[in-house]
Amino acid sequence: MHGRVDTQTEALFAVTHAHALAKAGHRPEAVREVERARTALSSAKGDDVPFWALSWGPPAATVHSRTAKVFETLGDQRRAAAMYGAAATSRPPGTYARIVALDLVAQAEMQAAKGSVEEACATWGRAIDHMDGVQSKRTRKAVGSMRRDLSRFRTRGLRCAAELDERARDFLRDRR
């Protein structure tokens, strides 16, 4: 089997290639590679995955997260939001808290961008829940960005935005 990889690792390679294609503006090819990754993932038979392919957790979660980035790059916020959500729920409960939180933040950003503010607030709230006990500059940065995104909704008097902003402010204060 020299020179071959398991199907889950193949899916990781395909979705990484898809993201590169999307960034280069090759939409049809990127979507085909996403489909190739999905097909490889669905045909995975529980083969041994190399340790380095597990760096970000289960391959399915990583493929979902990278697929979300492909769709985000292509401007498809609906599909990106769905894939970020799939990534967040594909990791075992209680594990990879920082990565799950960041996937949820990205999902909420996509939801807010497409106008689903209440849904975005709920998702951002779940992200903050996952950040409990996480000491990370990226999570603090994500919460700061969340507050900036929420400011336009707070000024419109949306209660969920005001409540979430208060939670985010407390989160940042407690992690100085």
Protein backbone atom coordinates (compact mmCIF):
# COMPACT_ATOMS: atom_id res chain seq x y z
CA MET A 1 0.00 0.00 0.00
CA HIS A 2 3.01 2.31 -0.39
CA GLY A 3 1.89 5.66 -1.78
CA ARG A 4 -1.75 5.22 -0.78
CA VAL A 5 -3.79 6.80 1.98
CA ASP A 6 -7.05 5.85 3.64
CA THR A 7 -10.26 7.40 2.35
CA GLN A 8 -10.60 9.83 5.28
CA THR A 9 -7.15 11.26 4.57
CA GLU A 10 -8.03 11.36 0.87
CA ALA A 11 -11.07 13.46 1.84
CA LEU A 12 -8.80 15.85 3.76
CA PHE A 13 -6.54 16.26 0.72
CA ALA A 14 -9.52 16.80 -1.60
CA VAL A 15 -11.13 19.48 0.58
CA THR A 16 -7.80 21.26 1.01
CA HIS A 17 -7.41 21.26 -2.78
CA ALA A 18 -11.00 22.54 -3.07
CA HIS A 19 -10.18 25.48 -0.80
CA ALA A 20 -7.13 26.37 -2.90
CA LEU A 21 -9.25 26.18 -6.06
CA ALA A 22 -11.91 28.40 -4.50
CA LYS A 23 -9.34 30.99 -3.47
CA ALA A 24 -8.00 30.96 -7.06
CA GLY A 25 -11.51 31.64 -8.38
CA HIS A 26 -12.08 28.19 -9.91
CA ARG A 27 -15.62 27.68 -8.64
CA PRO A 28 -16.73 24.59 -10.65
CA GLU A 29 -13.50 22.74 -9.90
CA ALA A 30 -13.71 23.67 -6.21
CA VAL A 31 -17.27 22.36 -5.97
CA ARG A 32 -16.22 19.12 -7.71
CA GLU A 33 -13.40 18.66 -5.20
CA VAL A 34 -15.82 19.27 -2.33
CA GLU A 35 -18.01 16.52 -3.76
CA ARG A 36 -14.97 14.25 -4.11
CA ALA A 37 -14.13 14.88 -0.44
CA ARG A 38 -17.72 14.16 0.60
CA THR A 39 -17.77 10.94 -1.42
CA ALA A 40 -14.44 9.80 0.05
CA LEU A 41 -15.65 10.59 3.54
CA SER A 42 -18.93 8.72 3.09
CA SER A 43 -17.09 5.66 1.81
CA ALA A 44 -14.62 5.61 4.72
CA LYS A 45 -14.51 2.14 6.19
CA GLY A 46 -12.84 2.89 9.50
CA ASP A 47 -9.32 2.55 8.12
CA ASP A 48 -6.45 3.68 10.29
CA VAL A 49 -5.85 7.38 9.84
CA PRO A 50 -2.27 8.67 10.18
CA PHE A 51 -1.67 10.57 13.41
CA TRP A 52 -0.90 13.82 11.59
CA ALA A 53 -4.31 13.72 9.87
CA LEU A 54 -5.96 13.86 13.30
CA SER A 55 -4.35 17.15 14.37
CA TRP A 56 -7.66 19.04 14.27
CA GLY A 57 -9.79 16.14 15.44
CA PRO A 58 -11.89 13.61 13.59
CA PRO A 59 -11.40 13.84 9.82
CA ALA A 60 -15.15 14.29 9.23
CA ALA A 61 -15.19 17.43 11.39
CA THR A 62 -12.13 18.81 9.63
CA VAL A 63 -13.62 18.10 6.20
CA HIS A 64 -16.86 19.86 7.21
CA SER A 65 -14.95 22.88 8.53
CA ARG A 66 -12.76 23.12 5.42
CA THR A 67 -15.83 22.66 3.20
CA ALA A 68 -17.42 25.59 5.03
CA LYS A 69 -14.35 27.68 4.21
CA VAL A 70 -14.69 26.71 0.54
CA PHE A 71 -18.33 27.83 0.45
CA GLU A 72 -17.49 30.99 2.40
CA THR A 73 -14.78 31.81 -0.16
CA LEU A 74 -17.28 31.17 -2.96
CA GLY A 75 -19.80 33.53 -1.31
CA ASP A 76 -22.34 30.81 -0.46
CA GLN A 77 -23.17 31.85 3.11
CA ARG A 78 -26.06 29.41 3.52
CA ARG A 79 -23.97 26.35 2.71
CA ALA A 80 -21.00 27.71 4.65
CA ALA A 81 -23.15 28.17 7.76
CA ALA A 82 -24.54 24.64 7.44
CA MET A 83 -21.06 23.13 7.10
CA TYR A 84 -19.65 25.11 10.05
CA GLY A 85 -22.55 23.76 12.09
CA ALA A 86 -21.82 20.21 10.91
CA ALA A 87 -18.17 20.66 11.85
CA ALA A 88 -19.08 21.81 15.36
CA THR A 89 -21.31 18.78 15.96
CA SER A 90 -18.90 16.26 14.39
CA ARG A 91 -16.40 16.39 17.23
CA PRO A 92 -16.89 14.28 20.35
CA PRO A 93 -18.65 16.23 23.13
CA GLY A 94 -16.24 17.91 25.51
CA THR A 95 -13.31 17.82 23.08
CA TYR A 96 -11.62 20.41 20.87
CA ALA A 97 -13.48 23.22 22.66
CA ARG A 98 -11.51 26.01 20.98
CA ILE A 99 -11.98 24.58 17.49
CA VAL A 100 -15.70 23.95 18.08
CA ALA A 101 -16.11 27.50 19.40
CA LEU A 102 -14.37 28.99 16.38
CA ASP A 103 -16.50 26.92 13.98
CA LEU A 104 -19.61 28.18 15.79
CA VAL A 105 -18.38 31.78 15.58
CA ALA A 106 -17.85 31.35 11.84
CA GLN A 107 -21.31 29.80 11.50
CA ALA A 108 -22.85 32.76 13.35
CA GLU A 109 -21.00 35.21 11.10
CA MET A 110 -22.51 33.50 8.04
CA GLN A 111 -25.96 33.52 9.63
CA ALA A 112 -25.68 37.23 10.46
CA ALA A 113 -24.43 38.01 6.96
CA LYS A 114 -27.52 36.42 5.43
CA GLY A 115 -29.80 38.33 7.82
CA SER A 116 -30.64 35.60 10.36
CA VAL A 117 -29.74 37.73 13.37
CA GLU A 118 -31.61 35.81 16.07
CA GLU A 119 -30.16 32.53 14.81
CA ALA A 120 -26.69 34.11 14.74
CA CYS A 121 -27.09 35.35 18.33
CA ALA A 122 -28.05 31.85 19.48
CA THR A 123 -25.05 30.35 17.69
CA TRP A 124 -22.68 32.99 19.07
CA GLY A 125 -24.06 32.17 22.53
CA ARG A 126 -23.25 28.49 22.01
CA ALA A 127 -19.76 29.51 20.89
CA ILE A 128 -19.19 31.42 24.12
CA ASP A 129 -20.43 28.38 26.05
CA HIS A 130 -17.71 26.30 24.37
CA MET A 131 -15.07 28.89 25.23
CA ASP A 132 -15.53 28.32 28.96
CA GLY A 133 -12.10 27.41 30.32
CA VAL A 134 -10.33 28.05 27.00
CA GLN A 135 -7.36 30.40 27.15
CA SER A 136 -6.79 31.47 23.56
CA LYS A 137 -5.93 34.67 21.80
CA ARG A 138 -8.03 33.54 18.81
CA THR A 139 -11.15 33.07 20.93
CA ARG A 140 -10.70 36.50 22.53
CA LYS A 141 -10.23 37.99 19.07
CA ALA A 142 -13.36 36.16 17.84
CA VAL A 143 -15.42 37.56 20.73
CA GLY A 144 -14.12 41.06 20.01
CA SER A 145 -15.11 40.65 16.37
CA MET A 146 -18.50 39.34 17.50
CA ARG A 147 -19.06 42.51 19.52
CA ARG A 148 -18.25 44.66 16.48
CA ASP A 149 -20.68 42.60 14.36
CA LEU A 150 -23.36 42.94 17.03
CA SER A 151 -23.06 46.72 17.30
CA ARG A 152 -25.28 47.37 14.27
CA PHE A 153 -27.97 45.09 15.71
CA ARG A 154 -27.71 46.59 19.21
CA THR A 155 -28.38 50.05 17.81
CA ARG A 156 -31.60 48.69 16.27
CA GLY A 157 -32.71 47.62 19.73
CA LEU A 158 -32.52 43.86 19.20
CA ARG A 159 -32.69 42.30 22.64
CA CYS A 160 -30.74 39.15 21.73
CA ALA A 161 -27.87 41.33 20.44
CA ALA A 162 -27.80 43.45 23.61
CA GLU A 163 -27.84 40.39 25.88
CA LEU A 164 -25.15 38.62 23.88
CA ASP A 165 -23.00 41.76 23.81
CA GLU A 166 -23.17 41.94 27.60
CA ARG A 167 -22.09 38.30 27.81
CA ALA A 168 -19.25 38.94 25.37
CA ARG A 169 -18.12 42.01 27.31
CA ASP A 170 -18.04 39.96 30.54
CA PHE A 171 -16.16 37.17 28.76
CA LEU A 172 -13.45 39.58 27.58
CA ARG A 173 -13.25 41.32 30.97
CA ASP A 174 -12.73 37.99 32.74
CA ARG A 175 -9.89 36.98 30.38
CA ARG A 176 -7.65 40.01 30.58
